[in-house]
Amino acid sequence: FGSNVARLKTLAEAAVAADRTICVMGRS
């Protein structure tokens, strides 16, 4: 859900730990 800011942060931090760059798609 685009409004689930906590989930987005958890996913983004997991991506950084896995040496992945983050790109966000979707206006909302």
mmCIF file of all heavy atoms, coordinates in Angstrom:
data_MODEL
# 
_entry.id   MODEL 
# 
loop_
_atom_site.group_PDB 
_atom_site.id 
_atom_site.type_symbol 
_atom_site.label_atom_id 
_atom_site.label_alt_id 
_atom_site.label_comp_id 
_atom_site.label_asym_id 
_atom_site.label_entity_id 
_atom_site.label_seq_id 
_atom_site.pdbx_PDB_ins_code 
_atom_site.Cartn_x 
_atom_site.Cartn_y 
_atom_site.Cartn_z 
_atom_site.occupancy 
_atom_site.B_iso_or_equiv 
_atom_site.pdbx_formal_charge 
_atom_site.auth_seq_id 
_atom_site.auth_comp_id 
_atom_site.auth_asym_id 
_atom_site.auth_atom_id 
_atom_site.pdbx_PDB_model_num 
ATOM 1   N N   . PHE A 1 1  ? 0.853  -1.186 0.000   1.00 0.00 ? 1  PHE A N   1 
ATOM 2   C CA  . PHE A 1 1  ? 0.000  0.000  0.000   1.00 0.00 ? 1  PHE A CA  1 
ATOM 3   C C   . PHE A 1 1  ? 0.889  1.235  0.000   1.00 0.00 ? 1  PHE A C   1 
ATOM 4   O O   . PHE A 1 1  ? 1.793  1.362  0.837   1.00 0.00 ? 1  PHE A O   1 
ATOM 5   C CB  . PHE A 1 1  ? -0.908 0.001  1.229   1.00 0.00 ? 1  PHE A CB  1 
ATOM 6   C CG  . PHE A 1 1  ? -1.873 -1.152 1.256   1.00 0.00 ? 1  PHE A CG  1 
ATOM 7   C CD1 . PHE A 1 1  ? -1.630 -2.262 2.051   1.00 0.00 ? 1  PHE A CD1 1 
ATOM 8   C CD2 . PHE A 1 1  ? -3.024 -1.124 0.476   1.00 0.00 ? 1  PHE A CD2 1 
ATOM 9   C CE1 . PHE A 1 1  ? -2.516 -3.328 2.077   1.00 0.00 ? 1  PHE A CE1 1 
ATOM 10  C CE2 . PHE A 1 1  ? -3.916 -2.196 0.499   1.00 0.00 ? 1  PHE A CE2 1 
ATOM 11  C CZ  . PHE A 1 1  ? -3.655 -3.295 1.298   1.00 0.00 ? 1  PHE A CZ  1 
ATOM 12  N N   . GLY A 1 2  ? 0.623  2.165  -0.921  1.00 0.00 ? 2  GLY A N   1 
ATOM 13  C CA  . GLY A 1 2  ? 1.485  3.332  -1.058  1.00 0.00 ? 2  GLY A CA  1 
ATOM 14  C C   . GLY A 1 2  ? 1.543  4.195  0.185   1.00 0.00 ? 2  GLY A C   1 
ATOM 15  O O   . GLY A 1 2  ? 2.502  4.942  0.395   1.00 0.00 ? 2  GLY A O   1 
ATOM 16  N N   . SER A 1 3  ? 0.514  4.091  1.032   1.00 0.00 ? 3  SER A N   1 
ATOM 17  C CA  . SER A 1 3  ? 0.472  4.890  2.254   1.00 0.00 ? 3  SER A CA  1 
ATOM 18  C C   . SER A 1 3  ? 1.181  4.233  3.423   1.00 0.00 ? 3  SER A C   1 
ATOM 19  O O   . SER A 1 3  ? 1.332  4.854  4.479   1.00 0.00 ? 3  SER A O   1 
ATOM 20  C CB  . SER A 1 3  ? -0.994 5.135  2.642   1.00 0.00 ? 3  SER A CB  1 
ATOM 21  O OG  . SER A 1 3  ? -1.667 3.897  2.805   1.00 0.00 ? 3  SER A OG  1 
ATOM 22  N N   . ASN A 1 4  ? 1.624  2.986  3.243   1.00 0.00 ? 4  ASN A N   1 
ATOM 23  C CA  . ASN A 1 4  ? 2.270  2.270  4.350   1.00 0.00 ? 4  ASN A CA  1 
ATOM 24  C C   . ASN A 1 4  ? 3.744  2.669  4.407   1.00 0.00 ? 4  ASN A C   1 
ATOM 25  O O   . ASN A 1 4  ? 4.635  1.941  3.974   1.00 0.00 ? 4  ASN A O   1 
ATOM 26  C CB  . ASN A 1 4  ? 2.115  0.764  4.180   1.00 0.00 ? 4  ASN A CB  1 
ATOM 27  C CG  . ASN A 1 4  ? 2.433  -0.004 5.452   1.00 0.00 ? 4  ASN A CG  1 
ATOM 28  O OD1 . ASN A 1 4  ? 3.171  0.483  6.313   1.00 0.00 ? 4  ASN A OD1 1 
ATOM 29  N ND2 . ASN A 1 4  ? 1.882  -1.189 5.571   1.00 0.00 ? 4  ASN A ND2 1 
ATOM 30  N N   . VAL A 1 5  ? 3.979  3.848  4.951   1.00 0.00 ? 5  VAL A N   1 
ATOM 31  C CA  . VAL A 1 5  ? 5.323  4.424  4.973   1.00 0.00 ? 5  VAL A CA  1 
ATOM 32  C C   . VAL A 1 5  ? 6.289  3.537  5.756   1.00 0.00 ? 5  VAL A C   1 
ATOM 33  O O   . VAL A 1 5  ? 7.465  3.394  5.387   1.00 0.00 ? 5  VAL A O   1 
ATOM 34  C CB  . VAL A 1 5  ? 5.270  5.846  5.562   1.00 0.00 ? 5  VAL A CB  1 
ATOM 35  C CG1 . VAL A 1 5  ? 6.660  6.428  5.714   1.00 0.00 ? 5  VAL A CG1 1 
ATOM 36  C CG2 . VAL A 1 5  ? 4.405  6.743  4.679   1.00 0.00 ? 5  VAL A CG2 1 
ATOM 37  N N   . ALA A 1 6  ? 5.811  2.942  6.837   1.00 0.00 ? 6  ALA A N   1 
ATOM 38  C CA  . ALA A 1 6  ? 6.673  2.060  7.636   1.00 0.00 ? 6  ALA A CA  1 
ATOM 39  C C   . ALA A 1 6  ? 7.149  0.869  6.809   1.00 0.00 ? 6  ALA A C   1 
ATOM 40  O O   . ALA A 1 6  ? 8.325  0.487  6.862   1.00 0.00 ? 6  ALA A O   1 
ATOM 41  C CB  . ALA A 1 6  ? 5.923  1.576  8.873   1.00 0.00 ? 6  ALA A CB  1 
ATOM 42  N N   . ARG A 1 7  ? 6.245  0.264  6.017   1.00 0.00 ? 7  ARG A N   1 
ATOM 43  C CA  . ARG A 1 7  ? 6.629  -0.883 5.180   1.00 0.00 ? 7  ARG A CA  1 
ATOM 44  C C   . ARG A 1 7  ? 7.628  -0.462 4.109   1.00 0.00 ? 7  ARG A C   1 
ATOM 45  O O   . ARG A 1 7  ? 8.586  -1.184 3.821   1.00 0.00 ? 7  ARG A O   1 
ATOM 46  C CB  . ARG A 1 7  ? 5.371  -1.483 4.533   1.00 0.00 ? 7  ARG A CB  1 
ATOM 47  C CG  . ARG A 1 7  ? 5.610  -2.760 3.717   1.00 0.00 ? 7  ARG A CG  1 
ATOM 48  C CD  . ARG A 1 7  ? 5.946  -3.944 4.601   1.00 0.00 ? 7  ARG A CD  1 
ATOM 49  N NE  . ARG A 1 7  ? 5.036  -4.011 5.706   1.00 0.00 ? 7  ARG A NE  1 
ATOM 50  C CZ  . ARG A 1 7  ? 3.770  -4.458 5.630   1.00 0.00 ? 7  ARG A CZ  1 
ATOM 51  N NH1 . ARG A 1 7  ? 3.298  -4.927 4.480   1.00 0.00 ? 7  ARG A NH1 1 
ATOM 52  N NH2 . ARG A 1 7  ? 2.999  -4.486 6.702   1.00 0.00 ? 7  ARG A NH2 1 
ATOM 53  N N   . LEU A 1 8  ? 7.405  0.705  3.535   1.00 0.00 ? 8  LEU A N   1 
ATOM 54  C CA  . LEU A 1 8  ? 8.332  1.191  2.513   1.00 0.00 ? 8  LEU A CA  1 
ATOM 55  C C   . LEU A 1 8  ? 9.722  1.392  3.110   1.00 0.00 ? 8  LEU A C   1 
ATOM 56  O O   . LEU A 1 8  ? 10.734 1.069  2.478   1.00 0.00 ? 8  LEU A O   1 
ATOM 57  C CB  . LEU A 1 8  ? 7.811  2.500  1.918   1.00 0.00 ? 8  LEU A CB  1 
ATOM 58  C CG  . LEU A 1 8  ? 6.500  2.396  1.130   1.00 0.00 ? 8  LEU A CG  1 
ATOM 59  C CD1 . LEU A 1 8  ? 6.018  3.778  0.721   1.00 0.00 ? 8  LEU A CD1 1 
ATOM 60  C CD2 . LEU A 1 8  ? 6.675  1.506  -0.096  1.00 0.00 ? 8  LEU A CD2 1 
ATOM 61  N N   . LYS A 1 9  ? 9.776  1.894  4.342   1.00 0.00 ? 9  LYS A N   1 
ATOM 62  C CA  . LYS A 1 9  ? 11.073 2.079  4.988   1.00 0.00 ? 9  LYS A CA  1 
ATOM 63  C C   . LYS A 1 9  ? 11.730 0.738  5.282   1.00 0.00 ? 9  LYS A C   1 
ATOM 64  O O   . LYS A 1 9  ? 12.936 0.563  5.054   1.00 0.00 ? 9  LYS A O   1 
ATOM 65  C CB  . LYS A 1 9  ? 10.909 2.881  6.284   1.00 0.00 ? 9  LYS A CB  1 
ATOM 66  C CG  . LYS A 1 9  ? 12.240 3.201  6.962   1.00 0.00 ? 9  LYS A CG  1 
ATOM 67  C CD  . LYS A 1 9  ? 12.063 4.079  8.182   1.00 0.00 ? 9  LYS A CD  1 
ATOM 68  C CE  . LYS A 1 9  ? 13.429 4.424  8.783   1.00 0.00 ? 9  LYS A CE  1 
ATOM 69  N NZ  . LYS A 1 9  ? 13.301 5.269  9.991   1.00 0.00 ? 9  LYS A NZ  1 
ATOM 70  N N   . THR A 1 10 ? 10.955 -0.226 5.758   1.00 0.00 ? 10 THR A N   1 
ATOM 71  C CA  . THR A 1 10 ? 11.512 -1.556 6.035   1.00 0.00 ? 10 THR A CA  1 
ATOM 72  C C   . THR A 1 10 ? 12.049 -2.196 4.764   1.00 0.00 ? 10 THR A C   1 
ATOM 73  O O   . THR A 1 10 ? 13.153 -2.775 4.754   1.00 0.00 ? 10 THR A O   1 
ATOM 74  C CB  . THR A 1 10 ? 10.423 -2.455 6.656   1.00 0.00 ? 10 THR A CB  1 
ATOM 75  O OG1 . THR A 1 10 ? 9.971  -1.865 7.879   1.00 0.00 ? 10 THR A OG1 1 
ATOM 76  C CG2 . THR A 1 10 ? 10.960 -3.840 6.944   1.00 0.00 ? 10 THR A CG2 1 
ATOM 77  N N   . LEU A 1 11 ? 11.293 -2.099 3.677   1.00 0.00 ? 11 LEU A N   1 
ATOM 78  C CA  . LEU A 1 11 ? 11.745 -2.660 2.399   1.00 0.00 ? 11 LEU A CA  1 
ATOM 79  C C   . LEU A 1 11 ? 12.994 -1.949 1.896   1.00 0.00 ? 11 LEU A C   1 
ATOM 80  O O   . LEU A 1 11 ? 13.944 -2.593 1.404   1.00 0.00 ? 11 LEU A O   1 
ATOM 81  C CB  . LEU A 1 11 ? 10.622 -2.545 1.361   1.00 0.00 ? 11 LEU A CB  1 
ATOM 82  C CG  . LEU A 1 11 ? 9.442  -3.508 1.518   1.00 0.00 ? 11 LEU A CG  1 
ATOM 83  C CD1 . LEU A 1 11 ? 8.241  -3.034 0.720   1.00 0.00 ? 11 LEU A CD1 1 
ATOM 84  C CD2 . LEU A 1 11 ? 9.848  -4.926 1.099   1.00 0.00 ? 11 LEU A CD2 1 
ATOM 85  N N   . ALA A 1 12 ? 13.015 -0.635 2.011   1.00 0.00 ? 12 ALA A N   1 
ATOM 86  C CA  . ALA A 1 12 ? 14.166 0.136  1.526   1.00 0.00 ? 12 ALA A CA  1 
ATOM 87  C C   . ALA A 1 12 ? 15.416 -0.185 2.326   1.00 0.00 ? 12 ALA A C   1 
ATOM 88  O O   . ALA A 1 12 ? 16.516 -0.340 1.756   1.00 0.00 ? 12 ALA A O   1 
ATOM 89  C CB  . ALA A 1 12 ? 13.852 1.625  1.595   1.00 0.00 ? 12 ALA A CB  1 
ATOM 90  N N   . GLU A 1 13 ? 15.289 -0.314 3.626   1.00 0.00 ? 13 GLU A N   1 
ATOM 91  C CA  . GLU A 1 13 ? 16.459 -0.639 4.454   1.00 0.00 ? 13 GLU A CA  1 
ATOM 92  C C   . GLU A 1 13 ? 16.955 -2.053 4.168   1.00 0.00 ? 13 GLU A C   1 
ATOM 93  O O   . GLU A 1 13 ? 18.170 -2.305 4.166   1.00 0.00 ? 13 GLU A O   1 
ATOM 94  C CB  . GLU A 1 13 ? 16.109 -0.472 5.931   1.00 0.00 ? 13 GLU A CB  1 
ATOM 95  C CG  . GLU A 1 13 ? 15.928 0.995  6.334   1.00 0.00 ? 13 GLU A CG  1 
ATOM 96  C CD  . GLU A 1 13 ? 15.493 1.169  7.766   1.00 0.00 ? 13 GLU A CD  1 
ATOM 97  O OE1 . GLU A 1 13 ? 15.023 0.173  8.368   1.00 0.00 ? 13 GLU A OE1 1 
ATOM 98  O OE2 . GLU A 1 13 ? 15.610 2.295  8.295   1.00 0.00 ? 13 GLU A OE2 1 
ATOM 99  N N   . ALA A 1 14 ? 16.037 -2.969 3.893   1.00 0.00 ? 14 ALA A N   1 
ATOM 100 C CA  . ALA A 1 14 ? 16.441 -4.326 3.519   1.00 0.00 ? 14 ALA A CA  1 
ATOM 101 C C   . ALA A 1 14 ? 17.163 -4.324 2.174   1.00 0.00 ? 14 ALA A C   1 
ATOM 102 O O   . ALA A 1 14 ? 18.118 -5.086 1.966   1.00 0.00 ? 14 ALA A O   1 
ATOM 103 C CB  . ALA A 1 14 ? 15.219 -5.231 3.465   1.00 0.00 ? 14 ALA A CB  1 
ATOM 104 N N   . ALA A 1 15 ? 16.724 -3.459 1.265   1.00 0.00 ? 15 ALA A N   1 
ATOM 105 C CA  . ALA A 1 15 ? 17.384 -3.353 -0.036  1.00 0.00 ? 15 ALA A CA  1 
ATOM 106 C C   . ALA A 1 15 ? 18.807 -2.843 0.115   1.00 0.00 ? 15 ALA A C   1 
ATOM 107 O O   . ALA A 1 15 ? 19.744 -3.367 -0.517  1.00 0.00 ? 15 ALA A O   1 
ATOM 108 C CB  . ALA A 1 15 ? 16.579 -2.422 -0.946  1.00 0.00 ? 15 ALA A CB  1 
ATOM 109 N N   . VAL A 1 16 ? 18.991 -1.825 0.932   1.00 0.00 ? 16 VAL A N   1 
ATOM 110 C CA  . VAL A 1 16 ? 20.340 -1.283 1.154   1.00 0.00 ? 16 VAL A CA  1 
ATOM 111 C C   . VAL A 1 16 ? 21.250 -2.351 1.746   1.00 0.00 ? 16 VAL A C   1 
ATOM 112 O O   . VAL A 1 16 ? 22.419 -2.494 1.346   1.00 0.00 ? 16 VAL A O   1 
ATOM 113 C CB  . VAL A 1 16 ? 20.271 -0.048 2.078   1.00 0.00 ? 16 VAL A CB  1 
ATOM 114 C CG1 . VAL A 1 16 ? 21.671 0.391  2.502   1.00 0.00 ? 16 VAL A CG1 1 
ATOM 115 C CG2 . VAL A 1 16 ? 19.549 1.096  1.370   1.00 0.00 ? 16 VAL A CG2 1 
ATOM 116 N N   . ALA A 1 17 ? 20.744 -3.130 2.700   1.00 0.00 ? 17 ALA A N   1 
ATOM 117 C CA  . ALA A 1 17 ? 21.541 -4.191 3.312   1.00 0.00 ? 17 ALA A CA  1 
ATOM 118 C C   . ALA A 1 17 ? 21.937 -5.256 2.298   1.00 0.00 ? 17 ALA A C   1 
ATOM 119 O O   . ALA A 1 17 ? 22.963 -5.937 2.465   1.00 0.00 ? 17 ALA A O   1 
ATOM 120 C CB  . ALA A 1 17 ? 20.764 -4.829 4.453   1.00 0.00 ? 17 ALA A CB  1 
ATOM 121 N N   . ALA A 1 18 ? 21.117 -5.406 1.236   1.00 0.00 ? 18 ALA A N   1 
ATOM 122 C CA  . ALA A 1 18 ? 21.412 -6.382 0.187   1.00 0.00 ? 18 ALA A CA  1 
ATOM 123 C C   . ALA A 1 18 ? 22.156 -5.744 -0.982  1.00 0.00 ? 18 ALA A C   1 
ATOM 124 O O   . ALA A 1 18 ? 22.229 -6.336 -2.066  1.00 0.00 ? 18 ALA A O   1 
ATOM 125 C CB  . ALA A 1 18 ? 20.110 -7.023 -0.303  1.00 0.00 ? 18 ALA A CB  1 
ATOM 126 N N   . ASP A 1 19 ? 22.693 -4.539 -0.783  1.00 0.00 ? 19 ASP A N   1 
ATOM 127 C CA  . ASP A 1 19 ? 23.463 -3.821 -1.805  1.00 0.00 ? 19 ASP A CA  1 
ATOM 128 C C   . ASP A 1 19 ? 22.613 -3.524 -3.048  1.00 0.00 ? 19 ASP A C   1 
ATOM 129 O O   . ASP A 1 19 ? 23.058 -3.693 -4.173  1.00 0.00 ? 19 ASP A O   1 
ATOM 130 C CB  . ASP A 1 19 ? 24.725 -4.615 -2.192  1.00 0.00 ? 19 ASP A CB  1 
ATOM 131 C CG  . ASP A 1 19 ? 25.714 -3.755 -2.987  1.00 0.00 ? 19 ASP A CG  1 
ATOM 132 O OD1 . ASP A 1 19 ? 25.720 -2.522 -2.773  1.00 0.00 ? 19 ASP A OD1 1 
ATOM 133 O OD2 . ASP A 1 19 ? 26.451 -4.309 -3.821  1.00 0.00 ? 19 ASP A OD2 1 
ATOM 134 N N   . ARG A 1 20 ? 21.381 -3.077 -2.801  1.00 0.00 ? 20 ARG A N   1 
ATOM 135 C CA  . ARG A 1 20 ? 20.493 -2.724 -3.911  1.00 0.00 ? 20 ARG A CA  1 
ATOM 136 C C   . ARG A 1 20 ? 20.158 -1.234 -3.851  1.00 0.00 ? 20 ARG A C   1 
ATOM 137 O O   . ARG A 1 20 ? 19.969 -0.666 -2.776  1.00 0.00 ? 20 ARG A O   1 
ATOM 138 C CB  . ARG A 1 20 ? 19.195 -3.537 -3.868  1.00 0.00 ? 20 ARG A CB  1 
ATOM 139 C CG  . ARG A 1 20 ? 19.378 -5.019 -4.200  1.00 0.00 ? 20 ARG A CG  1 
ATOM 140 C CD  . ARG A 1 20 ? 18.030 -5.728 -4.185  1.00 0.00 ? 20 ARG A CD  1 
ATOM 141 N NE  . ARG A 1 20 ? 18.156 -7.151 -4.440  1.00 0.00 ? 20 ARG A NE  1 
ATOM 142 C CZ  . ARG A 1 20 ? 18.068 -7.720 -5.644  1.00 0.00 ? 20 ARG A CZ  1 
ATOM 143 N NH1 . ARG A 1 20 ? 17.858 -6.965 -6.711  1.00 0.00 ? 20 ARG A NH1 1 
ATOM 144 N NH2 . ARG A 1 20 ? 18.188 -9.020 -5.781  1.00 0.00 ? 20 ARG A NH2 1 
ATOM 145 N N   . THR A 1 21 ? 20.104 -0.630 -5.035  1.00 0.00 ? 21 THR A N   1 
ATOM 146 C CA  . THR A 1 21 ? 19.664 0.755  -5.174  1.00 0.00 ? 21 THR A CA  1 
ATOM 147 C C   . THR A 1 21 ? 18.147 0.785  -5.275  1.00 0.00 ? 21 THR A C   1 
ATOM 148 O O   . THR A 1 21 ? 17.528 -0.108 -5.861  1.00 0.00 ? 21 THR A O   1 
ATOM 149 C CB  . THR A 1 21 ? 20.294 1.379  -6.438  1.00 0.00 ? 21 THR A CB  1 
ATOM 150 O OG1 . THR A 1 21 ? 21.718 1.361  -6.289  1.00 0.00 ? 21 THR A OG1 1 
ATOM 151 C CG2 . THR A 1 21 ? 19.809 2.801  -6.648  1.00 0.00 ? 21 THR A CG2 1 
ATOM 152 N N   . ILE A 1 22 ? 17.525 1.832  -4.736  1.00 0.00 ? 22 ILE A N   1 
ATOM 153 C CA  . ILE A 1 22 ? 16.064 1.889  -4.636  1.00 0.00 ? 22 ILE A CA  1 
ATOM 154 C C   . ILE A 1 22 ? 15.504 2.905  -5.629  1.00 0.00 ? 22 ILE A C   1 
ATOM 155 O O   . ILE A 1 22 ? 16.008 4.023  -5.749  1.00 0.00 ? 22 ILE A O   1 
ATOM 156 C CB  . ILE A 1 22 ? 15.634 2.296  -3.217  1.00 0.00 ? 22 ILE A CB  1 
ATOM 157 C CG1 . ILE A 1 22 ? 16.220 1.321  -2.195  1.00 0.00 ? 22 ILE A CG1 1 
ATOM 158 C CG2 . ILE A 1 22 ? 14.120 2.347  -3.090  1.00 0.00 ? 22 ILE A CG2 1 
ATOM 159 C CD1 . ILE A 1 22 ? 16.486 1.944  -0.864  1.00 0.00 ? 22 ILE A CD1 1 
ATOM 160 N N   . CYS A 1 23 ? 14.455 2.490  -6.313  1.00 0.00 ? 23 CYS A N   1 
ATOM 161 C CA  . CYS A 1 23 ? 13.715 3.376  -7.216  1.00 0.00 ? 23 CYS A CA  1 
ATOM 162 C C   . CYS A 1 23 ? 12.231 3.232  -6.904  1.00 0.00 ? 23 CYS A C   1 
ATOM 163 O O   . CYS A 1 23 ? 11.731 2.108  -6.759  1.00 0.00 ? 23 CYS A O   1 
ATOM 164 C CB  . CYS A 1 23 ? 13.995 3.008  -8.670  1.00 0.00 ? 23 CYS A CB  1 
ATOM 165 S SG  . CYS A 1 23 ? 13.020 3.937  -9.879  1.00 0.00 ? 23 CYS A SG  1 
ATOM 166 N N   . VAL A 1 24 ? 11.541 4.352  -6.773  1.00 0.00 ? 24 VAL A N   1 
ATOM 167 C CA  . VAL A 1 24 ? 10.113 4.347  -6.454  1.00 0.00 ? 24 VAL A CA  1 
ATOM 168 C C   . VAL A 1 24 ? 9.315  4.681  -7.708  1.00 0.00 ? 24 VAL A C   1 
ATOM 169 O O   . VAL A 1 24 ? 9.604  5.660  -8.404  1.00 0.00 ? 24 VAL A O   1 
ATOM 170 C CB  . VAL A 1 24 ? 9.785  5.363  -5.337  1.00 0.00 ? 24 VAL A CB  1 
ATOM 171 C CG1 . VAL A 1 24 ? 8.291  5.401  -5.067  1.00 0.00 ? 24 VAL A CG1 1 
ATOM 172 C CG2 . VAL A 1 24 ? 10.554 5.015  -4.065  1.00 0.00 ? 24 VAL A CG2 1 
ATOM 173 N N   . MET A 1 25 ? 8.299  3.869  -7.990  1.00 0.00 ? 25 MET A N   1 
ATOM 174 C CA  . MET A 1 25 ? 7.420  4.084  -9.136  1.00 0.00 ? 25 MET A CA  1 
ATOM 175 C C   . MET A 1 25 ? 5.981  4.211  -8.655  1.00 0.00 ? 25 MET A C   1 
ATOM 176 O O   . MET A 1 25 ? 5.487  3.351  -7.930  1.00 0.00 ? 25 MET A O   1 
ATOM 177 C CB  . MET A 1 25 ? 7.503  2.919  -10.127 1.00 0.00 ? 25 MET A CB  1 
ATOM 178 C CG  . MET A 1 25 ? 8.768  2.835  -10.927 1.00 0.00 ? 25 MET A CG  1 
ATOM 179 S SD  . MET A 1 25 ? 8.627  1.476  -12.113 1.00 0.00 ? 25 MET A SD  1 
ATOM 180 C CE  . MET A 1 25 ? 10.165 1.669  -13.012 1.00 0.00 ? 25 MET A CE  1 
ATOM 181 N N   . GLY A 1 26 ? 5.315  5.271  -9.067  1.00 0.00 ? 26 GLY A N   1 
ATOM 182 C CA  . GLY A 1 26 ? 3.920  5.456  -8.696  1.00 0.00 ? 26 GLY A CA  1 
ATOM 183 C C   . GLY A 1 26 ? 3.728  6.778  -7.992  1.00 0.00 ? 26 GLY A C   1 
ATOM 184 O O   . GLY A 1 26 ? 4.354  7.060  -6.974  1.00 0.00 ? 26 GLY A O   1 
ATOM 185 N N   . ARG A 1 27 ? 2.829  7.593  -8.545  1.00 0.00 ? 27 ARG A N   1 
ATOM 186 C CA  . ARG A 1 27 ? 2.625  8.949  -8.034  1.00 0.00 ? 27 ARG A CA  1 
ATOM 187 C C   . ARG A 1 27 ? 2.172  8.962  -6.583  1.00 0.00 ? 27 ARG A C   1 
ATOM 188 O O   . ARG A 1 27 ? 2.666  9.753  -5.774  1.00 0.00 ? 27 ARG A O   1 
ATOM 189 C CB  . ARG A 1 27 ? 1.591  9.657  -8.920  1.00 0.00 ? 27 ARG A CB  1 
ATOM 190 C CG  . ARG A 1 27 ? 1.208  11.058 -8.468  1.00 0.00 ? 27 ARG A CG  1 
ATOM 191 C CD  . ARG A 1 27 ? 0.308  11.719 -9.507  1.00 0.00 ? 27 ARG A CD  1 
ATOM 192 N NE  . ARG A 1 27 ? -0.248 12.972 -9.037  1.00 0.00 ? 27 ARG A NE  1 
ATOM 193 C CZ  . ARG A 1 27 ? -1.433 13.095 -8.446  1.00 0.00 ? 27 ARG A CZ  1 
ATOM 194 N NH1 . ARG A 1 27 ? -2.178 12.007 -8.269  1.00 0.00 ? 27 ARG A NH1 1 
ATOM 195 N NH2 . ARG A 1 27 ? -1.880 14.266 -8.043  1.00 0.00 ? 27 ARG A NH2 1 
ATOM 196 N N   . SER A 1 28 ? 1.222  8.102  -6.235  1.00 0.00 ? 28 SER A N   1 
ATOM 197 C CA  . SER A 1 28 ? 0.692  8.134  -4.871  1.00 0.00 ? 28 SER A CA  1 
ATOM 198 C C   . SER A 1 28 ? 1.738  7.739  -3.845  1.00 0.00 ? 28 SER A C   1 
ATOM 199 O O   . SER A 1 28 ? 1.811  8.318  -2.756  1.00 0.00 ? 28 SER A O   1 
ATOM 200 C CB  . SER A 1 28 ? -0.527 7.216  -4.757  1.00 0.00 ? 28 SER A CB  1 
ATOM 201 O OG  . SER A 1 28 ? -0.175 5.874  -5.021  1.00 0.00 ? 28 SER A OG  1 
# 
